[in-house]
Structure formats: C-alpha cells, structure tokens
PDB file of N, CA and C in Angstrom:
ATOM      1  N   MET A   1      -9.569  -7.590  34.262  1.00  0.00           N
ATOM      2  CA  MET A   1     -10.675  -6.850  33.696  1.00  0.00           C
ATOM      3  C   MET A   1     -10.522  -5.352  33.950  1.00  0.00           C
ATOM      4  N   LEU A   2     -10.162  -5.003  35.180  1.00  0.00           N
ATOM      5  CA  LEU A   2     -10.001  -3.591  35.529  1.00  0.00           C
ATOM      6  C   LEU A   2      -8.866  -2.961  34.722  1.00  0.00           C
ATOM      7  N   ARG A   3      -7.806  -3.730  34.476  1.00  0.00           N
ATOM      8  CA  ARG A   3      -6.668  -3.216  33.706  1.00  0.00           C
ATOM      9  C   ARG A   3      -7.091  -2.845  32.286  1.00  0.00           C
ATOM     10  N   HIS A   4      -7.920  -3.666  31.677  1.00  0.00           N
ATOM     11  CA  HIS A   4      -8.400  -3.381  30.319  1.00  0.00           C
ATOM     12  C   HIS A   4      -9.318  -2.160  30.302  1.00  0.00           C
ATOM     13  N   THR A   5     -10.130  -2.026  31.335  1.00  0.00           N
ATOM     14  CA  THR A   5     -11.023  -0.882  31.429  1.00  0.00           C
ATOM     15  C   THR A   5     -10.224   0.406  31.597  1.00  0.00           C
ATOM     16  N   MET A   6      -9.202   0.373  32.427  1.00  0.00           N
ATOM     17  CA  MET A   6      -8.356   1.556  32.628  1.00  0.00           C
ATOM     18  C   MET A   6      -7.629   1.920  31.334  1.00  0.00           C
ATOM     19  N   ARG A   7      -7.132   0.924  30.622  1.00  0.00           N
ATOM     20  CA  ARG A   7      -6.433   1.182  29.360  1.00  0.00           C
ATOM     21  C   ARG A   7      -7.384   1.790  28.339  1.00  0.00           C
ATOM     22  N   ALA A   8      -8.572   1.236  28.224  1.00  0.00           N
ATOM     23  CA  ALA A   8      -9.556   1.776  27.278  1.00  0.00           C
ATOM     24  C   ALA A   8      -9.933   3.208  27.656  1.00  0.00           C
ATOM     25  N   GLY A   9     -10.077   3.472  28.936  1.00  0.00           N
ATOM     26  CA  GLY A   9     -10.392   4.820  29.396  1.00  0.00           C
ATOM     27  C   GLY A   9      -9.285   5.804  29.060  1.00  0.00           C
ATOM     28  N   ARG A  10      -8.026   5.387  29.274  1.00  0.00           N
ATOM     29  CA  ARG A  10      -6.880   6.245  28.934  1.00  0.00           C
ATOM     30  C   ARG A  10      -6.849   6.556  27.450  1.00  0.00           C
ATOM     31  N   ILE A  11      -7.114   5.550  26.645  1.00  0.00           N
ATOM     32  CA  ILE A  11      -7.084   5.739  25.190  1.00  0.00           C
ATOM     33  C   ILE A  11      -8.191   6.687  24.748  1.00  0.00           C
ATOM     34  N   VAL A  12      -9.391   6.495  25.268  1.00  0.00           N
ATOM     35  CA  VAL A  12     -10.516   7.355  24.873  1.00  0.00           C
ATOM     36  C   VAL A  12     -10.270   8.795  25.307  1.00  0.00           C
ATOM     37  N   VAL A  13      -9.867   8.998  26.543  1.00  0.00           N
ATOM     38  CA  VAL A  13      -9.615  10.357  27.038  1.00  0.00           C
ATOM     39  C   VAL A  13      -8.432  10.984  26.297  1.00  0.00           C
ATOM     40  N   GLY A  14      -7.396  10.207  26.055  1.00  0.00           N
ATOM     41  CA  GLY A  14      -6.244  10.711  25.315  1.00  0.00           C
ATOM     42  C   GLY A  14      -6.605  11.143  23.907  1.00  0.00           C
ATOM     43  N   LEU A  15      -7.389  10.324  23.207  1.00  0.00           N
ATOM     44  CA  LEU A  15      -7.817  10.683  21.854  1.00  0.00           C
ATOM     45  C   LEU A  15      -8.704  11.924  21.859  1.00  0.00           C
ATOM     46  N   LEU A  16      -9.595  12.026  22.841  1.00  0.00           N
ATOM     47  CA  LEU A  16     -10.436  13.220  22.942  1.00  0.00           C
ATOM     48  C   LEU A  16      -9.593  14.477  23.173  1.00  0.00           C
ATOM     49  N   LEU A  17      -8.597  14.363  24.037  1.00  0.00           N
ATOM     50  CA  LEU A  17      -7.725  15.515  24.294  1.00  0.00           C
ATOM     51  C   LEU A  17      -6.928  15.890  23.049  1.00  0.00           C
ATOM     52  N   VAL A  18      -6.445  14.900  22.324  1.00  0.00           N
ATOM     53  CA  VAL A  18      -5.703  15.186  21.087  1.00  0.00           C
ATOM     54  C   VAL A  18      -6.610  15.878  20.073  1.00  0.00           C
ATOM     55  N   LEU A  19      -7.817  15.373  19.902  1.00  0.00           N
ATOM     56  CA  LEU A  19      -8.751  15.990  18.960  1.00  0.00           C
ATOM     57  C   LEU A  19      -9.118  17.410  19.377  1.00  0.00           C
ATOM     58  N   CYS A  20      -9.370  17.612  20.665  1.00  0.00           N
ATOM     59  CA  CYS A  20      -9.674  18.965  21.152  1.00  0.00           C
ATOM     60  C   CYS A  20      -8.464  19.881  20.988  1.00  0.00           C
ATOM     61  N   GLY A  21      -7.274  19.356  21.229  1.00  0.00           N
ATOM     62  CA  GLY A  21      -6.061  20.151  21.065  1.00  0.00           C
ATOM     63  C   GLY A  21      -5.845  20.577  19.631  1.00  0.00           C
ATOM     64  N   VAL A  22      -6.109  19.668  18.680  1.00  0.00           N
ATOM     65  CA  VAL A  22      -5.979  20.012  17.267  1.00  0.00           C
ATOM     66  C   VAL A  22      -7.010  21.081  16.902  1.00  0.00           C
ATOM     67  N   ALA A  23      -8.224  20.944  17.414  1.00  0.00           N
ATOM     68  CA  ALA A  23      -9.255  21.957  17.143  1.00  0.00           C
ATOM     69  C   ALA A  23      -8.856  23.302  17.736  1.00  0.00           C
ATOM     70  N   MET A  24      -8.242  23.283  18.919  1.00  0.00           N
ATOM     71  CA  MET A  24      -7.844  24.529  19.569  1.00  0.00           C
ATOM     72  C   MET A  24      -6.643  25.187  18.892  1.00  0.00           C
ATOM     73  N   LEU A  25      -5.948  24.465  18.040  1.00  0.00           N
ATOM     74  CA  LEU A  25      -4.885  25.109  17.275  1.00  0.00           C
ATOM     75  C   LEU A  25      -5.466  26.120  16.297  1.00  0.00           C
ATOM     76  N   VAL A  26      -6.701  25.866  15.854  1.00  0.00           N
ATOM     77  CA  VAL A  26      -7.377  26.775  14.932  1.00  0.00           C
ATOM     78  C   VAL A  26      -8.299  27.720  15.702  1.00  0.00           C
ATOM     79  N   LEU A  27      -9.009  27.175  16.679  1.00  0.00           N
ATOM     80  CA  LEU A  27      -9.929  27.958  17.502  1.00  0.00           C
ATOM     81  C   LEU A  27      -9.159  28.537  18.694  1.00  0.00           C
ATOM     82  N   PRO A  28      -9.739  29.514  19.373  1.00  0.00           N
ATOM     83  CA  PRO A  28      -9.066  30.059  20.552  1.00  0.00           C
ATOM     84  C   PRO A  28      -8.964  29.005  21.663  1.00  0.00           C
ATOM     85  N   GLY A  29      -7.835  28.953  22.290  1.00  0.00           N
ATOM     86  CA  GLY A  29      -7.640  28.021  23.392  1.00  0.00           C
ATOM     87  C   GLY A  29      -6.208  27.532  23.460  1.00  0.00           C
ATOM     88  N   PRO A  30      -5.867  26.858  24.551  1.00  0.00           N
ATOM     89  CA  PRO A  30      -4.498  26.359  24.748  1.00  0.00           C
ATOM     90  C   PRO A  30      -4.265  25.042  24.008  1.00  0.00           C
ATOM     91  N   GLY A  31      -4.247  25.096  22.687  1.00  0.00           N
ATOM     92  CA  GLY A  31      -4.179  23.890  21.865  1.00  0.00           C
ATOM     93  C   GLY A  31      -2.949  23.042  22.103  1.00  0.00           C
ATOM     94  N   ILE A  32      -1.777  23.659  22.187  1.00  0.00           N
ATOM     95  CA  ILE A  32      -0.536  22.899  22.370  1.00  0.00           C
ATOM     96  C   ILE A  32      -0.538  22.162  23.706  1.00  0.00           C
ATOM     97  N   LEU A  33      -1.022  22.824  24.757  1.00  0.00           N
ATOM     98  CA  LEU A  33      -1.047  22.178  26.076  1.00  0.00           C
ATOM     99  C   LEU A  33      -2.002  20.989  26.106  1.00  0.00           C
ATOM    100  N   VAL A  34      -3.176  21.156  25.530  1.00  0.00           N
ATOM    101  CA  VAL A  34      -4.161  20.071  25.515  1.00  0.00           C
ATOM    102  C   VAL A  34      -3.667  18.928  24.636  1.00  0.00           C
ATOM    103  N   LEU A  35      -3.071  19.269  23.512  1.00  0.00           N
ATOM    104  CA  LEU A  35      -2.509  18.259  22.624  1.00  0.00           C
ATOM    105  C   LEU A  35      -1.407  17.474  23.343  1.00  0.00           C
ATOM    106  N   GLY A  36      -0.547  18.175  24.056  1.00  0.00           N
ATOM    107  CA  GLY A  36       0.518  17.515  24.817  1.00  0.00           C
ATOM    108  C   GLY A  36      -0.025  16.611  25.911  1.00  0.00           C
ATOM    109  N   ALA A  37      -1.080  17.046  26.584  1.00  0.00           N
ATOM    110  CA  ALA A  37      -1.689  16.222  27.631  1.00  0.00           C
ATOM    111  C   ALA A  37      -2.283  14.943  27.040  1.00  0.00           C
ATOM    112  N   GLY A  38      -2.933  15.078  25.897  1.00  0.00           N
ATOM    113  CA  GLY A  38      -3.502  13.893  25.247  1.00  0.00           C
ATOM    114  C   GLY A  38      -2.426  12.917  24.807  1.00  0.00           C
ATOM    115  N   LEU A  39      -1.354  13.458  24.243  1.00  0.00           N
ATOM    116  CA  LEU A  39      -0.254  12.583  23.822  1.00  0.00           C
ATOM    117  C   LEU A  39       0.425  11.931  25.025  1.00  0.00           C
ATOM    118  N   ALA A  40       0.515  12.667  26.121  1.00  0.00           N
ATOM    119  CA  ALA A  40       1.119  12.091  27.327  1.00  0.00           C
ATOM    120  C   ALA A  40       0.290  10.911  27.835  1.00  0.00           C
ATOM    121  N   LEU A  41      -1.023  11.042  27.801  1.00  0.00           N
ATOM    122  CA  LEU A  41      -1.878   9.914  28.203  1.00  0.00           C
ATOM    123  C   LEU A  41      -1.720   8.733  27.255  1.00  0.00           C
ATOM    124  N   LEU A  42      -1.692   9.016  25.972  1.00  0.00           N
ATOM    125  CA  LEU A  42      -1.566   7.943  24.994  1.00  0.00           C
ATOM    126  C   LEU A  42      -0.185   7.296  25.010  1.00  0.00           C
ATOM    127  N   SER A  43       0.820   8.011  25.491  1.00  0.00           N
ATOM    128  CA  SER A  43       2.187   7.474  25.482  1.00  0.00           C
ATOM    129  C   SER A  43       2.345   6.278  26.421  1.00  0.00           C
ATOM    130  N   ALA A  44       1.427   6.108  27.337  1.00  0.00           N
ATOM    131  CA  ALA A  44       1.479   4.939  28.220  1.00  0.00           C
ATOM    132  C   ALA A  44       1.171   3.653  27.450  1.00  0.00           C
ATOM    133  N   ASP A  45       0.482   3.778  26.322  1.00  0.00           N
ATOM    134  CA  ASP A  45       0.049   2.598  25.578  1.00  0.00           C
ATOM    135  C   ASP A  45       0.605   2.496  24.167  1.00  0.00           C
ATOM    136  N   PHE A  46       1.083   3.604  23.593  1.00  0.00           N
ATOM    137  CA  PHE A  46       1.512   3.605  22.207  1.00  0.00           C
ATOM    138  C   PHE A  46       2.907   4.203  22.055  1.00  0.00           C
ATOM    139  N   VAL A  47       3.744   3.527  21.287  1.00  0.00           N
ATOM    140  CA  VAL A  47       5.116   3.986  21.064  1.00  0.00           C
ATOM    141  C   VAL A  47       5.130   5.274  20.245  1.00  0.00           C
ATOM    142  N   TRP A  48       4.247   5.394  19.256  1.00  0.00           N
ATOM    143  CA  TRP A  48       4.237   6.591  18.420  1.00  0.00           C
ATOM    144  C   TRP A  48       3.922   7.834  19.248  1.00  0.00           C
ATOM    145  N   ALA A  49       3.057   7.693  20.249  1.00  0.00           N
ATOM    146  CA  ALA A  49       2.736   8.835  21.109  1.00  0.00           C
ATOM    147  C   ALA A  49       3.926   9.177  22.000  1.00  0.00           C
ATOM    148  N   ARG A  50       4.641   8.149  22.461  1.00  0.00           N
ATOM    149  CA  ARG A  50       5.824   8.382  23.281  1.00  0.00           C
ATOM    150  C   ARG A  50       6.881   9.142  22.485  1.00  0.00           C
ATOM    151  N   ARG A  51       7.048   8.777  21.212  1.00  0.00           N
ATOM    152  CA  ARG A  51       8.008   9.494  20.357  1.00  0.00           C
ATOM    153  C   ARG A  51       7.579  10.945  20.158  1.00  0.00           C
ATOM    154  N   ALA A  52       6.282  11.166  19.975  1.00  0.00           N
ATOM    155  CA  ALA A  52       5.783  12.532  19.792  1.00  0.00           C
ATOM    156  C   ALA A  52       6.009  13.363  21.053  1.00  0.00           C
ATOM    157  N   VAL A  53       5.790  12.776  22.218  1.00  0.00           N
ATOM    158  CA  VAL A  53       6.023  13.493  23.478  1.00  0.00           C
ATOM    159  C   VAL A  53       7.508  13.811  23.631  1.00  0.00           C
ATOM    160  N   ASP A  54       8.368  12.865  23.294  1.00  0.00           N
ATOM    161  CA  ASP A  54       9.807  13.114  23.364  1.00  0.00           C
ATOM    162  C   ASP A  54      10.219  14.240  22.416  1.00  0.00           C
ATOM    163  N   GLY A  55       9.647  14.240  21.212  1.00  0.00           N
ATOM    164  CA  GLY A  55       9.941  15.310  20.260  1.00  0.00           C
ATOM    165  C   GLY A  55       9.473  16.663  20.764  1.00  0.00           C
ATOM    166  N   MET A  56       8.283  16.706  21.361  1.00  0.00           N
ATOM    167  CA  MET A  56       7.774  17.963  21.919  1.00  0.00           C
ATOM    168  C   MET A  56       8.654  18.436  23.073  1.00  0.00           C
ATOM    169  N   ARG A  57       9.100  17.486  23.892  1.00  0.00           N
ATOM    170  CA  ARG A  57       9.954  17.835  25.031  1.00  0.00           C
ATOM    171  C   ARG A  57      11.273  18.436  24.544  1.00  0.00           C
ATOM    172  N   GLN A  58      11.877  17.840  23.519  1.00  0.00           N
ATOM    173  CA  GLN A  58      13.129  18.371  22.976  1.00  0.00           C
ATOM    174  C   GLN A  58      12.925  19.747  22.376  1.00  0.00           C
ATOM    175  N   LEU A  59      11.817  19.946  21.698  1.00  0.00           N
ATOM    176  CA  LEU A  59      11.508  21.243  21.105  1.00  0.00           C
ATOM    177  C   LEU A  59      11.370  22.324  22.182  1.00  0.00           C
ATOM    178  N   VAL A  60      10.686  22.001  23.262  1.00  0.00           N
ATOM    179  CA  VAL A  60      10.518  22.949  24.357  1.00  0.00           C
ATOM    180  C   VAL A  60      11.854  23.232  25.029  1.00  0.00           C
ATOM    181  N   GLU A  61      12.661  22.189  25.237  1.00  0.00           N
ATOM    182  CA  GLU A  61      13.967  22.400  25.870  1.00  0.00           C
ATOM    183  C   GLU A  61      14.859  23.283  25.019  1.00  0.00           C
ATOM    184  N   ARG A  62      14.843  23.078  23.697  1.00  0.00           N
ATOM    185  CA  ARG A  62      15.628  23.932  22.806  1.00  0.00           C
ATOM    186  C   ARG A  62      15.132  25.375  22.847  1.00  0.00           C
ATOM    187  N   ALA A  63      13.813  25.540  22.830  1.00  0.00           N
ATOM    188  CA  ALA A  63      13.243  26.893  22.853  1.00  0.00           C
ATOM    189  C   ALA A  63      13.563  27.580  24.177  1.00  0.00           C
ATOM    190  N   MET A  64      13.512  26.860  25.273  1.00  0.00           N
ATOM    191  CA  MET A  64      13.821  27.465  26.573  1.00  0.00           C
ATOM    192  C   MET A  64      15.300  27.791  26.676  1.00  0.00           C
ATOM    193  N   GLY A  65      16.144  26.965  26.080  1.00  0.00           N
ATOM    194  CA  GLY A  65      17.585  27.236  26.090  1.00  0.00           C
ATOM    195  C   GLY A  65      17.917  28.493  25.310  1.00  0.00           C
ATOM    196  N   ARG A  66      17.291  28.688  24.183  1.00  0.00           N
ATOM    197  CA  ARG A  66      17.521  29.891  23.386  1.00  0.00           C
ATOM    198  C   ARG A  66      16.976  31.120  24.088  1.00  0.00           C
ATOM    199  N   ARG A  67      15.885  30.960  24.759  1.00  0.00           N
ATOM    200  CA  ARG A  67      15.272  32.080  25.454  1.00  0.00           C
ATOM    201  C   ARG A  67      16.142  32.545  26.615  1.00  0.00           C
ATOM    202  N   HIS A  68      16.796  31.612  27.276  1.00  0.00           N
ATOM    203  CA  HIS A  68      17.633  31.943  28.423  1.00  0.00           C
ATOM    204  C   HIS A  68      19.077  32.214  28.004  1.00  0.00           C
ATOM    205  N   GLY A  69      19.324  32.299  26.726  1.00  0.00           N
ATOM    206  CA  GLY A  69      20.654  32.671  26.242  1.00  0.00           C
ATOM    207  C   GLY A  69      21.672  31.552  26.249  1.00  0.00           C
ATOM    208  N   ARG A  70      21.246  30.310  26.215  1.00  0.00           N
ATOM    209  CA  ARG A  70      22.186  29.185  26.215  1.00  0.00           C
ATOM    210  C   ARG A  70      22.550  28.786  24.817  1.00  0.00           C
TER     211      ARG A  70
END
C-alpha cells in the first residue's frame, strides 16, 4: 500500500513540476531546471521521461564540452 502511495505522490509532484517548468519557459523563472526536476521524478516510473532526461543530459554535456573548448 505504501509503495503505491509513494508512486502516486511521485507522479503527481513530477507532473506539477513539469507543468510549472513549461509555464516558466514563458514566464520569468528557472523553467529548464524545474522541468528537468519534474522529468527526473517521473523517470522513476515512466520510460518516456527517462528518455527525455537522457536527451537533456546529452544536450547539457555537449553544450558544456563546446563551452570548455572540447
């Protein structure tokens, strides 16, 4: 029972963070960070979120490599 409650809580909080992150992409705020946090929470339960987190991670690694002259 507790496992289902924790999973439901993760999903609800993750979806709220994703929605707030999308809103912050238009409104002032750290939209990308909040969006990433929401996807990270959802990645524990959903494969599509895990793929999105992996894609974001690769994008950041590429951007950091270019920034540092690699």
